[in-house]
Amino acid sequence: MNTWSISLQNSNSPIYDMMIFFHDSTMIILTFITSLIFFIMFKSISNNLTNRFLLENQTIEIIWTIMPMFILIFIAIPSIKILYLTDENFNNNLSIKAIGHQWYW
């Protein structure tokens, strides 16, 4: 029986809930981009015809230059918000630091 799990641990704080949501949304975006690229590659390989308007097109070059910038900004804004929220000090009365190691024989 496997002792590891595929998903993340259960959250104990709202910040960790935000991290889990950020991870899930980022993975959805990356999966969509990867699927779209594979689909476009498959369609271009299976298509024997060449579109002469796609060889030099300023509009499509602008689109695939600007779209990654918007995607990165869309990913970076929640990431920076979570980064600054984790850095805040909430003046806890009790702090426990537990270090553990599990041996796999």
Protein backbone atom coordinates (compact mmCIF):
# COMPACT_ATOMS: atom_id res chain seq x y z
CA MET A 1 0.00 0.00 0.00
CA ASN A 2 1.31 3.44 -0.92
CA THR A 3 1.93 5.84 1.95
CA TRP A 4 1.96 9.02 -0.12
CA SER A 5 -0.97 10.92 -1.58
CA ILE A 6 -1.47 12.75 -4.85
CA SER A 7 -3.33 15.82 -3.60
CA LEU A 8 -2.26 18.52 -1.16
CA GLN A 9 -2.80 18.28 2.59
CA ASN A 10 -5.91 19.61 4.26
CA SER A 11 -5.58 23.30 5.03
CA ASN A 12 -5.52 24.73 8.54
CA SER A 13 -5.41 28.40 7.61
CA PRO A 14 -7.02 30.76 5.10
CA ILE A 15 -3.62 31.51 3.55
CA TYR A 16 -3.09 27.84 2.80
CA ASP A 17 -6.59 27.75 1.27
CA MET A 18 -5.48 30.57 -1.01
CA MET A 19 -2.31 28.64 -1.89
CA ILE A 20 -4.33 25.54 -2.79
CA PHE A 21 -6.71 27.61 -4.93
CA PHE A 22 -3.75 29.32 -6.62
CA HIS A 23 -2.11 25.96 -7.32
CA ASP A 24 -5.31 24.51 -8.76
CA SER A 25 -6.03 27.53 -10.96
CA THR A 26 -2.44 27.66 -12.22
CA MET A 27 -2.54 23.96 -13.07
CA ILE A 28 -5.81 24.47 -14.98
CA ILE A 29 -4.24 27.30 -16.98
CA LEU A 30 -1.11 25.27 -17.74
CA THR A 31 -3.15 22.21 -18.72
CA PHE A 32 -5.27 24.32 -21.07
CA ILE A 33 -2.19 25.88 -22.69
CA THR A 34 -0.50 22.48 -23.11
CA SER A 35 -3.65 20.94 -24.61
CA LEU A 36 -4.08 23.88 -26.97
CA ILE A 37 -0.47 23.61 -28.16
CA PHE A 38 -0.78 19.85 -28.75
CA PHE A 39 -4.03 20.38 -30.64
CA ILE A 40 -2.51 23.08 -32.86
CA MET A 41 0.58 20.95 -33.52
CA PHE A 42 -1.55 17.93 -34.41
CA LYS A 43 -3.75 19.98 -36.74
CA SER A 44 -0.74 21.57 -38.46
CA ILE A 45 0.99 18.20 -38.93
CA SER A 46 -2.14 16.48 -40.24
CA ASN A 47 -3.02 19.38 -42.57
CA ASN A 48 -1.19 19.13 -45.89
CA LEU A 49 -2.24 22.57 -47.08
CA THR A 50 -0.37 25.74 -46.21
CA ASN A 51 -2.16 29.01 -45.67
CA ARG A 52 -0.23 31.75 -47.43
CA PHE A 53 -1.65 34.43 -45.14
CA LEU A 54 -0.18 32.79 -42.03
CA LEU A 55 3.39 32.95 -43.32
CA GLU A 56 3.64 36.70 -42.67
CA ASN A 57 0.91 38.11 -40.50
CA GLN A 58 1.47 41.00 -38.11
CA THR A 59 -1.77 40.43 -36.22
CA ILE A 60 -1.00 36.87 -35.20
CA GLU A 61 2.55 37.85 -34.20
CA ILE A 62 1.17 40.59 -31.97
CA ILE A 63 -1.34 38.17 -30.44
CA TRP A 64 1.20 35.49 -29.56
CA THR A 65 3.54 38.13 -28.20
CA ILE A 66 0.98 39.86 -25.98
CA MET A 67 -1.03 36.82 -24.79
CA PRO A 68 1.83 35.27 -22.76
CA MET A 69 2.33 38.63 -21.07
CA PHE A 70 -1.33 38.73 -19.99
CA ILE A 71 -1.19 35.10 -18.84
CA LEU A 72 1.91 35.78 -16.74
CA ILE A 73 0.33 38.89 -15.20
CA PHE A 74 -2.84 36.88 -14.48
CA ILE A 75 -0.71 34.29 -12.66
CA ALA A 76 1.67 36.76 -10.96
CA ILE A 77 -0.88 39.00 -9.24
CA PRO A 78 -2.36 36.31 -6.93
CA SER A 79 1.11 34.87 -6.40
CA ILE A 80 2.46 38.19 -5.13
CA LYS A 81 -0.62 38.67 -2.93
CA ILE A 82 -0.11 35.25 -1.31
CA LEU A 83 3.62 35.95 -0.92
CA TYR A 84 2.98 39.15 1.04
CA LEU A 85 0.23 37.54 3.14
CA THR A 86 2.56 34.74 4.23
CA ASP A 87 5.18 37.28 5.30
CA GLU A 88 2.86 39.06 7.75
CA ASN A 89 3.49 38.53 11.45
CA PHE A 90 0.31 37.86 13.42
CA ASN A 91 1.98 37.95 16.90
CA ASN A 92 1.04 34.46 17.98
CA ASN A 93 1.15 33.59 21.67
CA LEU A 94 2.44 30.09 21.02
CA SER A 95 4.62 28.79 18.22
CA ILE A 96 5.46 25.14 17.72
CA LYS A 97 8.09 23.97 15.28
CA ALA A 98 7.92 20.27 14.51
CA ILE A 99 10.51 18.54 12.36
CA GLY A 100 9.93 14.99 11.21
CA HIS A 101 11.36 12.47 8.84
CA GLN A 102 9.79 9.26 7.63
CA TRP A 103 11.92 6.33 6.64
CA TYR A 104 10.87 4.28 3.64
CA TRP A 105 12.33 0.79 3.91
